[in-house]
Structure formats: C-alpha cells, structure tokens
C-alpha cells in the first residue's frame, strides 16, 4: 500500500488516481499522522460493503423497514436483527405484531 501526504495530493492528485486505477489502496497522511485510506471501487467491494452501508443507512433513517433491509441484503429477518445488534443499532419495533414477528424469527429452528 502506497503512503501519500495530503500536501502531495493537493499538488499532484494524479498520484491517487493512478494508484486507484491500478487497483491499489492509498494510505493518506497529514503531518505524518494517519488521516485515512482510499480503496479502489471494485465490484465486490461495492456489492458487499457499499450496498450494506446503504441499506443500513436507509433503515436507520426510517426510510425502509427491517424486513426491506433484510431483503436488500439477501438475508432473513433474524440475520438482519443480529447484524443490527452487532452494530449496536436499535431494532426493536414498537407495535405488538412486529414484536411477535421478531420473536418468532429469533427462535431457534429445529435441526
């Protein structure tokens, strides 16, 4: 991974562009301290990471339901609940029907 100072990027942004076009990540620093990492936008990164982030943001903003978020991510509702719990995002629904549905989804299945 290449390391580039933010000052260099201001004067020569093609450093970043060229690295990303080669599929390389770039470690960006400011005054010698880590500032961030750029990642090339590859299809697998987009389809996994950005899609998940987008679905989570839609859910957190109240734009979509947990069920719709789960559908977008190709998972069942219990997996979505676990994901939200792992990320410390509140997922408890306020109406009784939704709560009953969530309890059913969380019950272990017979194997």
N, C-alpha and C. Protein backbone atom coordinates (compact mmCIF):
# COMPACT_ATOMS: atom_id res chain seq x y z
N UNK A 1 0.84 -1.17 0.00
CA UNK A 1 0.00 0.00 0.00
C UNK A 1 0.89 1.24 0.00
N UNK A 2 0.58 2.14 -0.89
CA UNK A 2 1.33 3.38 -1.01
C UNK A 2 0.89 4.37 0.07
N UNK A 3 1.82 5.17 0.58
CA UNK A 3 1.52 6.21 1.55
C UNK A 3 1.76 7.57 0.90
N UNK A 4 0.78 8.46 1.02
CA UNK A 4 0.88 9.77 0.38
C UNK A 4 0.44 10.84 1.38
N UNK A 5 1.21 11.92 1.46
CA UNK A 5 0.84 13.05 2.31
C UNK A 5 -0.25 13.86 1.62
N UNK A 6 -1.16 14.40 2.41
CA UNK A 6 -2.25 15.20 1.85
C UNK A 6 -1.71 16.38 1.05
N UNK A 7 -0.59 16.93 1.46
CA UNK A 7 0.04 18.04 0.74
C UNK A 7 0.40 17.61 -0.68
N UNK A 8 0.92 16.37 -0.81
CA UNK A 8 1.25 15.86 -2.15
C UNK A 8 0.00 15.72 -3.01
N UNK A 9 -1.08 15.31 -2.39
CA UNK A 9 -2.33 15.14 -3.15
C UNK A 9 -2.87 16.47 -3.63
N UNK A 10 -2.64 17.53 -2.85
CA UNK A 10 -3.11 18.85 -3.28
C UNK A 10 -2.36 19.32 -4.53
N UNK A 11 -1.08 19.03 -4.58
CA UNK A 11 -0.27 19.48 -5.72
C UNK A 11 -0.27 18.50 -6.88
N UNK A 12 -0.50 17.21 -6.59
CA UNK A 12 -0.45 16.21 -7.64
C UNK A 12 -1.51 15.11 -7.38
N UNK A 13 -2.79 15.44 -7.60
CA UNK A 13 -3.85 14.46 -7.31
C UNK A 13 -3.79 13.21 -8.19
N UNK A 14 -3.02 13.29 -9.28
CA UNK A 14 -2.93 12.12 -10.15
C UNK A 14 -2.24 10.94 -9.45
N UNK A 15 -1.49 11.21 -8.36
CA UNK A 15 -0.89 10.12 -7.58
C UNK A 15 -1.98 9.18 -7.09
N UNK A 16 -3.03 9.77 -6.56
CA UNK A 16 -4.15 8.99 -6.03
C UNK A 16 -4.90 8.29 -7.15
N UNK A 17 -5.21 9.03 -8.19
CA UNK A 17 -5.95 8.46 -9.32
C UNK A 17 -5.22 7.28 -9.94
N UNK A 18 -3.92 7.43 -10.16
CA UNK A 18 -3.13 6.35 -10.78
C UNK A 18 -3.12 5.10 -9.91
N UNK A 19 -2.95 5.29 -8.60
CA UNK A 19 -2.94 4.13 -7.70
C UNK A 19 -4.29 3.43 -7.71
N UNK A 20 -5.36 4.19 -7.65
CA UNK A 20 -6.69 3.59 -7.66
C UNK A 20 -6.97 2.86 -8.98
N UNK A 21 -6.52 3.43 -10.09
CA UNK A 21 -6.70 2.77 -11.38
C UNK A 21 -5.92 1.46 -11.46
N UNK A 22 -4.81 1.36 -10.72
CA UNK A 22 -4.04 0.11 -10.66
C UNK A 22 -4.65 -0.88 -9.67
N UNK A 23 -5.73 -0.47 -8.99
CA UNK A 23 -6.37 -1.35 -8.02
C UNK A 23 -5.69 -1.34 -6.67
N UNK A 24 -4.90 -0.31 -6.39
CA UNK A 24 -4.16 -0.23 -5.13
C UNK A 24 -4.84 0.72 -4.15
N UNK A 25 -4.73 0.41 -2.88
CA UNK A 25 -5.19 1.30 -1.82
C UNK A 25 -4.10 2.32 -1.55
N UNK A 26 -4.49 3.48 -1.03
CA UNK A 26 -3.53 4.53 -0.72
C UNK A 26 -3.76 4.97 0.72
N UNK A 27 -2.69 4.98 1.51
CA UNK A 27 -2.72 5.43 2.89
C UNK A 27 -2.41 6.92 2.89
N UNK A 28 -3.34 7.75 3.34
CA UNK A 28 -3.19 9.20 3.30
C UNK A 28 -2.79 9.71 4.68
N UNK A 29 -1.77 10.59 4.72
CA UNK A 29 -1.30 11.15 5.99
C UNK A 29 -1.36 12.68 5.95
N UNK A 30 -1.38 13.26 7.12
CA UNK A 30 -1.33 14.71 7.26
C UNK A 30 -0.37 15.01 8.40
N UNK A 31 0.69 15.71 8.10
CA UNK A 31 1.75 16.00 9.08
C UNK A 31 2.30 14.70 9.69
N UNK A 32 2.38 13.68 8.85
CA UNK A 32 2.94 12.41 9.28
C UNK A 32 2.00 11.52 10.07
N UNK A 33 0.77 11.97 10.30
CA UNK A 33 -0.22 11.19 11.07
C UNK A 33 -1.26 10.61 10.13
N UNK A 34 -1.73 9.41 10.41
CA UNK A 34 -2.73 8.76 9.55
C UNK A 34 -4.00 9.60 9.45
N UNK A 35 -4.48 9.76 8.24
CA UNK A 35 -5.70 10.51 8.01
C UNK A 35 -6.81 9.61 7.46
N UNK A 36 -6.43 8.70 6.59
CA UNK A 36 -7.43 7.80 6.01
C UNK A 36 -6.82 6.87 4.99
N UNK A 37 -7.67 6.02 4.47
CA UNK A 37 -7.27 5.06 3.46
C UNK A 37 -8.27 5.16 2.31
N UNK A 38 -7.75 5.23 1.09
CA UNK A 38 -8.63 5.18 -0.07
C UNK A 38 -8.60 3.76 -0.61
N UNK A 39 -9.72 3.32 -1.11
CA UNK A 39 -9.83 1.98 -1.66
C UNK A 39 -10.35 2.06 -3.09
N UNK A 40 -9.79 1.26 -3.97
CA UNK A 40 -10.34 1.24 -5.33
C UNK A 40 -11.76 0.66 -5.28
N UNK A 41 -12.65 1.24 -6.04
CA UNK A 41 -14.04 0.78 -6.04
C UNK A 41 -14.17 -0.40 -6.99
N UNK A 42 -14.03 -1.57 -6.42
CA UNK A 42 -14.15 -2.80 -7.20
C UNK A 42 -15.55 -3.35 -7.02
N UNK A 43 -15.99 -4.12 -7.96
CA UNK A 43 -17.36 -4.63 -7.94
C UNK A 43 -17.69 -5.37 -6.65
N UNK A 44 -16.79 -6.23 -6.17
CA UNK A 44 -17.09 -6.98 -4.95
C UNK A 44 -17.19 -6.05 -3.74
N UNK A 45 -16.33 -5.05 -3.66
CA UNK A 45 -16.40 -4.08 -2.56
C UNK A 45 -17.72 -3.33 -2.63
N UNK A 46 -18.09 -2.89 -3.82
CA UNK A 46 -19.34 -2.15 -3.97
C UNK A 46 -20.53 -3.02 -3.60
N UNK A 47 -20.58 -4.21 -4.18
CA UNK A 47 -21.76 -5.04 -3.98
C UNK A 47 -21.89 -5.51 -2.54
N UNK A 48 -20.79 -5.68 -1.83
CA UNK A 48 -20.87 -6.13 -0.44
C UNK A 48 -20.91 -4.96 0.55
N UNK A 49 -19.89 -4.14 0.52
CA UNK A 49 -19.77 -3.10 1.52
C UNK A 49 -20.69 -1.92 1.34
N UNK A 50 -20.70 -1.33 0.18
CA UNK A 50 -21.49 -0.13 -0.04
C UNK A 50 -22.98 -0.45 0.01
N UNK A 51 -23.36 -1.57 -0.56
CA UNK A 51 -24.77 -1.96 -0.54
C UNK A 51 -25.24 -2.15 0.90
N UNK A 52 -24.42 -2.79 1.72
CA UNK A 52 -24.78 -3.00 3.12
C UNK A 52 -24.88 -1.66 3.85
N UNK A 53 -23.91 -0.80 3.62
CA UNK A 53 -23.92 0.52 4.24
C UNK A 53 -25.17 1.30 3.83
N UNK A 54 -25.50 1.26 2.55
CA UNK A 54 -26.66 1.97 2.04
C UNK A 54 -27.94 1.44 2.69
N UNK A 55 -28.09 0.13 2.75
CA UNK A 55 -29.28 -0.47 3.36
C UNK A 55 -29.38 -0.11 4.84
N UNK A 56 -28.25 -0.15 5.54
CA UNK A 56 -28.25 0.21 6.97
C UNK A 56 -28.63 1.68 7.16
N UNK A 57 -28.12 2.55 6.32
CA UNK A 57 -28.45 3.98 6.44
C UNK A 57 -29.93 4.22 6.16
N UNK A 58 -30.48 3.54 5.17
CA UNK A 58 -31.92 3.66 4.89
C UNK A 58 -32.74 3.18 6.08
N UNK A 59 -32.31 2.09 6.70
CA UNK A 59 -33.03 1.57 7.87
C UNK A 59 -32.93 2.55 9.04
N UNK A 60 -31.71 3.02 9.32
CA UNK A 60 -31.51 3.93 10.46
C UNK A 60 -32.30 5.22 10.29
N UNK A 61 -32.46 5.69 9.06
CA UNK A 61 -33.20 6.93 8.83
C UNK A 61 -34.71 6.72 8.85
N UNK A 62 -35.14 5.45 8.93
CA UNK A 62 -36.56 5.14 8.95
C UNK A 62 -37.19 5.08 7.56
N UNK A 63 -36.37 5.13 6.52
CA UNK A 63 -36.87 5.10 5.16
C UNK A 63 -37.40 3.73 4.78
N UNK A 64 -36.74 2.68 5.26
CA UNK A 64 -37.19 1.31 4.99
C UNK A 64 -37.32 0.54 6.30
N UNK A 65 -38.09 -0.51 6.26
CA UNK A 65 -38.27 -1.38 7.43
C UNK A 65 -37.11 -2.36 7.54
N UNK A 66 -37.05 -3.04 8.67
CA UNK A 66 -36.02 -4.06 8.84
C UNK A 66 -36.21 -5.19 7.82
N UNK A 67 -37.45 -5.55 7.55
CA UNK A 67 -37.72 -6.60 6.57
C UNK A 67 -37.23 -6.22 5.18
N UNK A 68 -37.46 -4.97 4.80
CA UNK A 68 -36.99 -4.49 3.49
C UNK A 68 -35.47 -4.46 3.46
N UNK A 69 -34.85 -4.04 4.58
CA UNK A 69 -33.39 -4.03 4.65
C UNK A 69 -32.85 -5.46 4.49
N UNK A 70 -33.48 -6.41 5.17
CA UNK A 70 -33.07 -7.81 5.07
C UNK A 70 -33.19 -8.29 3.63
N UNK A 71 -34.28 -7.94 2.97
CA UNK A 71 -34.46 -8.33 1.56
C UNK A 71 -33.36 -7.74 0.69
N UNK A 72 -33.04 -6.47 0.90
CA UNK A 72 -32.00 -5.82 0.10
C UNK A 72 -30.66 -6.53 0.25
N UNK A 73 -30.40 -7.05 1.46
CA UNK A 73 -29.12 -7.68 1.75
C UNK A 73 -29.14 -9.18 1.54
N UNK A 74 -30.28 -9.72 1.11
CA UNK A 74 -30.36 -11.16 0.84
C UNK A 74 -30.25 -12.01 2.10
N UNK A 75 -30.83 -11.54 3.18
CA UNK A 75 -30.78 -12.30 4.43
C UNK A 75 -32.18 -12.37 5.02
N UNK A 76 -32.36 -13.31 5.95
CA UNK A 76 -33.66 -13.36 6.61
C UNK A 76 -33.68 -12.36 7.76
N UNK A 77 -34.85 -12.20 8.34
CA UNK A 77 -35.03 -11.15 9.35
C UNK A 77 -34.18 -11.40 10.60
N UNK A 78 -34.02 -12.67 10.99
CA UNK A 78 -33.20 -12.94 12.18
C UNK A 78 -31.74 -12.57 11.94
N UNK A 79 -31.24 -12.79 10.72
CA UNK A 79 -29.87 -12.37 10.40
C UNK A 79 -29.75 -10.85 10.43
N UNK A 80 -30.79 -10.17 9.94
CA UNK A 80 -30.80 -8.71 9.97
C UNK A 80 -30.78 -8.20 11.40
N UNK A 81 -31.55 -8.85 12.28
CA UNK A 81 -31.56 -8.45 13.70
C UNK A 81 -30.19 -8.62 14.33
N UNK A 82 -29.54 -9.73 14.01
CA UNK A 82 -28.20 -9.98 14.54
C UNK A 82 -27.20 -8.94 14.03
N UNK A 83 -27.30 -8.62 12.73
CA UNK A 83 -26.42 -7.60 12.15
C UNK A 83 -26.61 -6.27 12.86
N UNK A 84 -27.86 -5.86 13.04
CA UNK A 84 -28.14 -4.60 13.72
C UNK A 84 -27.63 -4.63 15.16
N UNK A 85 -27.84 -5.74 15.83
CA UNK A 85 -27.35 -5.88 17.21
C UNK A 85 -25.83 -5.79 17.26
N UNK A 86 -25.16 -6.48 16.34
CA UNK A 86 -23.70 -6.44 16.29
C UNK A 86 -23.17 -5.02 16.09
N UNK A 87 -23.91 -4.24 15.31
CA UNK A 87 -23.51 -2.86 15.01
C UNK A 87 -24.06 -1.86 16.03
N UNK A 88 -24.72 -2.39 17.07
CA UNK A 88 -25.29 -1.56 18.14
C UNK A 88 -26.33 -0.57 17.59
N UNK A 89 -27.12 -1.04 16.63
CA UNK A 89 -28.21 -0.25 16.06
C UNK A 89 -29.51 -0.81 16.61
N UNK A 90 -30.30 0.06 17.23
CA UNK A 90 -31.56 -0.39 17.83
C UNK A 90 -32.51 -0.88 16.75
N UNK A 91 -33.14 -2.02 17.01
CA UNK A 91 -34.02 -2.60 16.00
C UNK A 91 -35.38 -2.98 16.53
N UNK A 92 -35.66 -2.75 17.81
CA UNK A 92 -36.95 -3.14 18.40
C UNK A 92 -38.07 -2.32 17.76
N UNK A 93 -39.08 -3.04 17.28
CA UNK A 93 -40.25 -2.39 16.70
C UNK A 93 -41.23 -2.03 17.82
N UNK A 94 -42.02 -1.01 17.59
CA UNK A 94 -42.89 -0.54 18.66
C UNK A 94 -44.27 -1.20 18.67
N UNK A 95 -44.73 -1.75 17.56
CA UNK A 95 -46.06 -2.35 17.61
C UNK A 95 -45.97 -3.84 17.93
N UNK A 96 -47.01 -4.36 18.53
CA UNK A 96 -47.03 -5.73 19.05
C UNK A 96 -46.88 -6.78 17.95
N UNK A 97 -47.50 -6.55 16.79
CA UNK A 97 -47.38 -7.52 15.69
C UNK A 97 -45.93 -7.65 15.23
N UNK A 98 -45.25 -6.53 15.12
CA UNK A 98 -43.84 -6.56 14.70
C UNK A 98 -43.00 -7.26 15.75
N UNK A 99 -43.28 -7.01 17.03
CA UNK A 99 -42.53 -7.66 18.11
C UNK A 99 -42.74 -9.17 18.07
N UNK A 100 -43.98 -9.60 17.88
CA UNK A 100 -44.25 -11.04 17.80
C UNK A 100 -43.52 -11.67 16.62
N UNK A 101 -43.50 -10.99 15.49
CA UNK A 101 -42.81 -11.48 14.31
C UNK A 101 -41.31 -11.62 14.58
N UNK A 102 -40.74 -10.62 15.24
CA UNK A 102 -39.31 -10.65 15.56
C UNK A 102 -38.98 -11.77 16.53
N UNK A 103 -39.85 -11.99 17.53
CA UNK A 103 -39.62 -13.09 18.47
C UNK A 103 -39.66 -14.43 17.76
N UNK A 104 -40.58 -14.59 16.84
CA UNK A 104 -40.67 -15.82 16.06
C UNK A 104 -39.41 -16.01 15.23
N UNK A 105 -38.93 -14.95 14.63
CA UNK A 105 -37.72 -15.04 13.79
C UNK A 105 -36.49 -15.38 14.60
N UNK A 106 -36.45 -14.98 15.85
CA UNK A 106 -35.29 -15.24 16.70
C UNK A 106 -35.28 -16.63 17.33
N UNK A 107 -36.44 -17.30 17.35
CA UNK A 107 -36.48 -18.64 17.96
C UNK A 107 -35.62 -19.59 17.14
N UNK A 108 -34.84 -20.40 17.82
CA UNK A 108 -34.01 -21.37 17.08
C UNK A 108 -34.91 -22.36 16.34
N UNK A 109 -34.46 -22.76 15.18
CA UNK A 109 -35.20 -23.74 14.40
C UNK A 109 -34.77 -25.14 14.81
N UNK A 110 -35.67 -26.08 14.67
CA UNK A 110 -35.33 -27.49 14.97
C UNK A 110 -34.43 -28.01 13.88
N UNK A 111 -33.37 -28.69 14.27
CA UNK A 111 -32.42 -29.22 13.29
C UNK A 111 -32.33 -30.70 13.39
